[in-house]
């Protein structure tokens, strides 16, 4: 069935097939990434870090957060490690690194959402041109020969749209996860800044 569609759709079906495979690979990889990140979320440990920071127990923070998987904890610990220089800048740097990991490969999905329908339209246009060329060469009076050729050409448009649609939903989901994670980092980073400023004024 798939090979029949590839043959009927023409040469443009091959880059569309590549787009679908790349999209599926990225979706599975990002899905596994977020599954791991969600399992590592530890709000209790984040609150403990803030509580210990308020009391100035930095060595205890270091001991309790060793090997922690929560991305917020990593950001806070990085800030505390550089608290004597610039806690805010250190957390910003760490946050950028975490967000960069979260956004990895998302531009690939964004490109496929845009390119797949365009490739589909290109395949259809090529197919229609080919159908009319056949009509001009053969001089066939039967319109069914042209309409069947156009029907085959439309396969690429359908394929391109399907790839774009099935890529769009996971892409939007991953973007929303990045946005929520960013807000979570900002929330706790701001809390730590307030605690740190309070300690400095004591």
Protein backbone atom coordinates (compact mmCIF):
# COMPACT_ATOMS: atom_id res chain seq x y z
CA UNK A 1 0.00 0.00 0.00
CA UNK A 2 2.70 2.48 1.01
CA UNK A 3 4.87 1.58 -1.96
CA UNK A 4 1.87 2.08 -4.29
CA UNK A 5 1.33 5.58 -2.87
CA UNK A 6 5.03 6.38 -3.25
CA UNK A 7 4.94 5.26 -6.86
CA UNK A 8 1.73 7.14 -7.66
CA UNK A 9 2.81 10.31 -5.88
CA UNK A 10 6.05 10.61 -7.80
CA UNK A 11 9.52 11.70 -6.76
CA UNK A 12 8.29 14.33 -4.25
CA UNK A 13 6.89 11.53 -2.08
CA UNK A 14 10.42 10.56 -1.07
CA UNK A 15 11.30 13.87 0.64
CA UNK A 16 7.83 13.74 2.22
CA UNK A 17 8.61 10.26 3.52
CA UNK A 18 11.88 11.60 4.94
CA UNK A 19 9.97 14.45 6.63
CA UNK A 20 7.55 12.00 8.23
CA UNK A 21 10.37 9.78 9.54
CA UNK A 22 12.31 12.77 10.93
CA UNK A 23 9.16 14.15 12.53
CA UNK A 24 8.32 10.82 14.17
CA UNK A 25 11.89 10.41 15.46
CA UNK A 26 11.94 13.91 17.00
CA UNK A 27 8.48 13.48 18.54
CA UNK A 28 9.50 10.20 20.18
CA UNK A 29 12.80 11.68 21.41
CA UNK A 30 11.13 14.81 22.86
CA UNK A 31 8.36 12.69 24.37
CA UNK A 32 10.95 10.53 26.15
CA UNK A 33 12.83 13.66 27.26
CA UNK A 34 9.76 15.24 28.87
CA UNK A 35 8.74 11.94 30.44
CA UNK A 36 12.13 11.79 32.19
CA UNK A 37 12.00 15.47 33.21
CA UNK A 38 8.53 15.14 34.72
CA UNK A 39 9.60 12.09 36.74
CA UNK A 40 12.54 14.10 38.12
CA UNK A 41 10.46 17.06 39.29
CA UNK A 42 10.85 17.39 43.06
CA UNK A 43 9.02 20.43 44.42
CA UNK A 44 9.74 19.31 47.97
CA UNK A 45 13.48 19.49 47.36
CA UNK A 46 13.13 22.90 45.69
CA UNK A 47 11.30 24.25 48.75
CA UNK A 48 13.92 22.66 51.01
CA UNK A 49 16.69 24.46 49.07
CA UNK A 50 14.92 27.79 49.55
CA UNK A 51 14.39 27.09 53.26
CA UNK A 52 18.03 26.13 53.81
CA UNK A 53 19.20 29.14 51.79
CA UNK A 54 17.13 31.39 54.03
CA UNK A 55 19.00 29.97 57.01
CA UNK A 56 22.34 30.24 55.22
CA UNK A 57 23.00 26.48 55.35
CA UNK A 58 24.79 26.28 52.00
CA UNK A 59 26.84 23.16 52.76
CA UNK A 60 23.65 21.31 53.66
CA UNK A 61 22.13 22.42 50.36
CA UNK A 62 25.13 21.06 48.51
CA UNK A 63 24.85 17.71 50.27
CA UNK A 64 21.09 17.35 49.85
CA UNK A 65 21.02 18.29 46.15
CA UNK A 66 23.90 16.15 44.95
CA UNK A 67 22.69 14.15 41.96
CA UNK A 68 19.30 15.91 41.91
CA UNK A 69 17.48 15.62 38.59
CA UNK A 70 15.02 18.52 38.89
CA UNK A 71 16.04 21.26 36.45
CA UNK A 72 14.93 23.99 38.89
CA UNK A 73 17.22 22.58 41.58
CA UNK A 74 20.13 22.66 39.13
CA UNK A 75 19.44 26.33 38.37
CA UNK A 76 19.18 27.28 42.05
CA UNK A 77 22.31 25.35 43.01
CA UNK A 78 24.26 27.02 40.21
CA UNK A 79 23.14 30.42 41.51
CA UNK A 80 24.12 29.57 45.09
CA UNK A 81 27.50 28.27 43.97
CA UNK A 82 28.23 31.75 42.55
CA UNK A 83 26.39 33.75 45.22
CA UNK A 84 29.50 35.74 46.16
CA UNK A 85 29.88 36.99 42.59
CA UNK A 86 26.49 37.21 40.89
CA UNK A 87 23.73 34.86 41.95
CA UNK A 88 21.27 36.32 39.41
CA UNK A 89 23.62 36.08 36.42
CA UNK A 90 24.62 32.53 37.36
CA UNK A 91 20.97 31.46 37.52
CA UNK A 92 20.25 33.17 34.20
CA UNK A 93 23.12 31.28 32.59
CA UNK A 94 21.97 27.95 34.07
CA UNK A 95 18.36 28.63 33.08
CA UNK A 96 19.38 29.35 29.49
CA UNK A 97 21.21 26.02 29.35
CA UNK A 98 18.17 24.16 30.71
CA UNK A 99 15.79 25.88 28.29
CA UNK A 100 18.18 25.17 25.42
CA UNK A 101 17.92 21.45 26.23
CA UNK A 102 14.12 21.70 26.33
CA UNK A 103 13.96 23.45 22.95
CA UNK A 104 16.30 21.00 21.24
CA UNK A 105 15.00 19.78 17.85
CA UNK A 106 11.83 21.90 18.07
CA UNK A 107 12.99 24.05 15.10
CA UNK A 108 13.12 20.80 13.08
CA UNK A 109 9.43 20.14 13.80
CA UNK A 110 8.59 23.78 13.03
CA UNK A 111 10.36 23.49 9.66
CA UNK A 112 8.56 20.25 8.78
CA UNK A 113 5.18 21.85 9.58
CA UNK A 114 5.99 24.57 7.03
CA UNK A 115 7.82 22.54 4.39
CA UNK A 116 5.65 19.39 4.18
CA UNK A 117 2.55 21.13 2.72
CA UNK A 118 4.74 23.10 0.30
CA UNK A 119 6.38 19.89 -0.91
CA UNK A 120 2.92 18.39 -1.30
CA UNK A 121 1.77 21.32 -3.45
CA UNK A 122 4.98 21.10 -5.48
CA UNK A 123 4.33 17.43 -6.15
CA UNK A 124 0.77 18.19 -7.23
CA UNK A 125 1.88 20.96 -9.60
CA UNK A 126 4.50 18.67 -11.14
CA UNK A 127 1.87 15.94 -11.53
CA UNK A 128 -0.61 18.30 -13.20
CA UNK A 129 2.06 19.58 -15.59
CA UNK A 130 2.94 15.99 -16.44
CA UNK A 131 -0.74 15.14 -17.04
CA UNK A 132 -1.22 18.03 -19.46
CA UNK A 133 2.02 17.19 -21.23
CA UNK A 134 0.71 13.67 -21.79
CA UNK A 135 -2.56 15.10 -23.09
CA UNK A 136 -0.75 17.43 -25.49
CA UNK A 137 1.53 14.69 -26.80
CA UNK A 138 -1.10 11.98 -27.18
CA UNK A 139 -3.95 14.28 -28.16
CA UNK A 140 -6.38 12.12 -26.21
CA UNK A 141 -9.99 13.26 -26.32
CA UNK A 142 -10.86 11.28 -23.20
CA UNK A 143 -10.81 13.64 -20.14
CA UNK A 144 -10.59 10.66 -17.77
CA UNK A 145 -6.91 10.26 -18.66
CA UNK A 146 -6.23 13.79 -17.37
CA UNK A 147 -8.46 13.56 -14.28
CA UNK A 148 -6.88 10.28 -13.18
CA UNK A 149 -3.43 11.86 -13.52
CA UNK A 150 -4.53 14.88 -11.45
CA UNK A 151 -6.03 12.56 -8.82
CA UNK A 152 -2.66 10.84 -8.49
CA UNK A 153 -0.90 14.21 -8.31
CA UNK A 154 -3.11 15.27 -5.37
CA UNK A 155 -1.70 12.41 -3.30
CA UNK A 156 1.37 14.52 -2.49
CA UNK A 157 -0.76 17.43 -1.23
CA UNK A 158 -2.73 15.08 1.01
CA UNK A 159 0.49 13.50 2.30
CA UNK A 160 2.09 16.90 2.99
CA UNK A 161 -0.96 18.14 4.88
CA UNK A 162 -1.21 14.96 6.96
CA UNK A 163 2.47 15.18 7.95
CA UNK A 164 2.07 18.85 8.92
CA UNK A 165 -1.11 18.22 10.93
CA UNK A 166 0.28 15.25 12.86
CA UNK A 167 3.48 17.21 13.59
CA UNK A 168 1.67 20.38 14.68
CA UNK A 169 -0.06 18.92 17.75
CA UNK A 170 3.08 17.43 19.39
CA UNK A 171 5.03 20.59 18.48
CA UNK A 172 2.50 22.84 20.26
CA UNK A 173 2.52 20.48 23.25
CA UNK A 174 6.32 20.61 23.54
CA UNK A 175 6.32 24.41 23.18
CA UNK A 176 3.76 24.68 26.00
CA UNK A 177 5.94 22.41 28.18
CA UNK A 178 8.93 24.72 27.60
CA UNK A 179 6.85 27.78 28.49
CA UNK A 180 5.57 26.19 31.72
CA UNK A 181 9.08 25.07 32.68
CA UNK A 182 10.41 28.57 32.01
CA UNK A 183 7.76 30.09 34.29
CA UNK A 184 8.59 27.52 36.99
CA UNK A 185 12.29 28.41 36.81
CA UNK A 186 11.50 32.14 36.97
CA UNK A 187 9.23 31.65 39.97
CA UNK A 188 11.77 29.81 42.12
CA UNK A 189 14.75 31.84 40.89
CA UNK A 190 12.96 35.03 41.96
CA UNK A 191 12.20 33.45 45.34
CA UNK A 192 15.88 32.60 45.82
CA UNK A 193 16.91 36.16 44.85
CA UNK A 194 14.55 37.56 47.49
CA UNK A 195 15.96 35.15 50.12
CA UNK A 196 19.54 36.00 49.14
CA UNK A 197 18.90 39.74 49.26
CA UNK A 198 17.29 39.32 52.67
CA UNK A 199 20.32 37.43 53.98
CA UNK A 200 22.69 40.11 52.73
CA UNK A 201 20.75 42.80 54.59
CA UNK A 202 20.88 40.94 57.91
